[in-house]
Amino acid sequence: MKINKDDIKKRIIYRASYRGTKEMDVLISSFVKYIINDLDDKDLQELEKMVNLSDEDLIKMNKNFNYQKKEFLSKVYKEFYNFKPS
């Protein structure tokens, strides 16, 4: 099934911008803006999964890459671990 890139990007950007806390809004939306235009369809789907994780899981991922879940080994998660907002 072919995904509509514009639709998925809009969903990701919206979710990244309305996390619930200002700190997470800034962190996640900055990361999404940094990476979203460089991703293929598979990576966009990974990014969408990531932005739908809980704030607690995202903080753990950003602070500690030894997060032991197999799905966190993708390019998107590695980029997020290395990302530091400016």
Protein backbone atom coordinates (compact mmCIF):
# COMPACT_ATOMS: atom_id res chain seq x y z
CA MET A 1 0.00 0.00 0.00
CA LYS A 2 1.40 3.38 -1.04
CA ILE A 3 1.33 6.04 1.64
CA ASN A 4 0.53 9.67 0.99
CA LYS A 5 3.72 11.42 2.15
CA ASP A 6 2.03 14.78 2.64
CA ASP A 7 -0.66 13.30 4.89
CA ILE A 8 1.78 11.37 7.04
CA LYS A 9 4.07 14.42 7.35
CA LYS A 10 1.13 16.57 8.49
CA ARG A 11 0.17 13.98 11.14
CA ILE A 12 3.75 13.74 12.38
CA ILE A 13 4.23 17.51 12.56
CA TYR A 14 0.94 17.98 14.40
CA ARG A 15 1.69 15.24 16.95
CA ALA A 16 5.23 16.51 17.46
CA SER A 17 3.98 20.03 18.18
CA TYR A 18 1.27 19.11 20.71
CA ARG A 19 2.88 16.75 23.21
CA GLY A 20 1.45 18.13 26.42
CA THR A 21 4.51 19.85 27.85
CA LYS A 22 6.36 22.77 26.31
CA GLU A 23 9.74 21.07 26.75
CA MET A 24 8.66 17.99 24.79
CA ASP A 25 6.95 20.17 22.16
CA VAL A 26 10.28 21.93 21.58
CA LEU A 27 12.41 18.78 21.58
CA ILE A 28 10.20 16.64 19.35
CA SER A 29 9.07 19.35 16.95
CA SER A 30 12.69 20.51 16.49
CA PHE A 31 13.76 16.98 15.73
CA VAL A 32 10.89 16.42 13.30
CA LYS A 33 11.67 19.65 11.42
CA TYR A 34 15.33 18.62 11.27
CA ILE A 35 14.74 15.16 9.80
CA ILE A 36 11.33 14.90 8.12
CA ASN A 37 12.30 15.95 4.59
CA ASP A 38 15.19 13.48 4.41
CA LEU A 39 13.15 10.34 5.07
CA ASP A 40 11.81 7.69 2.75
CA ASP A 41 8.37 6.07 3.22
CA LYS A 42 9.61 3.41 5.66
CA ASP A 43 11.44 5.95 7.80
CA LEU A 44 8.40 8.25 7.83
CA GLN A 45 6.35 5.39 9.23
CA GLU A 46 9.03 4.85 11.89
CA LEU A 47 8.97 8.55 12.75
CA GLU A 48 5.20 8.45 13.07
CA LYS A 49 5.48 5.52 15.49
CA MET A 50 8.11 7.39 17.45
CA VAL A 51 6.13 10.62 17.88
CA ASN A 52 3.23 8.57 19.23
CA LEU A 53 5.30 7.10 22.05
CA SER A 54 4.87 8.44 25.55
CA ASP A 55 6.92 11.41 26.69
CA GLU A 56 8.62 9.17 29.25
CA ASP A 57 9.78 6.72 26.56
CA LEU A 58 11.00 9.55 24.33
CA ILE A 59 13.02 11.10 27.15
CA LYS A 60 14.61 7.73 27.92
CA MET A 61 15.47 7.27 24.25
CA ASN A 62 17.00 10.72 23.90
CA LYS A 63 19.05 10.41 27.08
CA ASN A 64 20.03 6.74 26.95
CA PHE A 65 20.38 4.84 23.69
CA ASN A 66 20.70 1.55 25.56
CA TYR A 67 16.93 1.48 25.53
CA GLN A 68 16.47 -2.25 25.07
CA LYS A 69 13.55 -2.53 22.64
CA LYS A 70 14.33 -4.04 19.26
CA GLU A 71 12.26 -1.49 17.29
CA PHE A 72 14.50 1.33 18.54
CA LEU A 73 17.38 0.30 16.32
CA SER A 74 16.22 2.14 13.19
CA LYS A 75 17.84 5.15 11.56
CA VAL A 76 15.17 7.48 12.98
CA TYR A 77 15.80 6.39 16.58
CA LYS A 78 19.57 6.65 16.21
CA GLU A 79 19.20 10.16 14.80
CA PHE A 80 16.92 11.09 17.70
CA TYR A 81 19.45 9.85 20.22
CA ASN A 82 22.15 12.02 18.64
CA PHE A 83 19.89 15.04 18.21
CA LYS A 84 20.48 18.07 20.42
CA PRO A 85 18.14 21.02 19.79
CA SER A 86 19.83 24.34 19.23
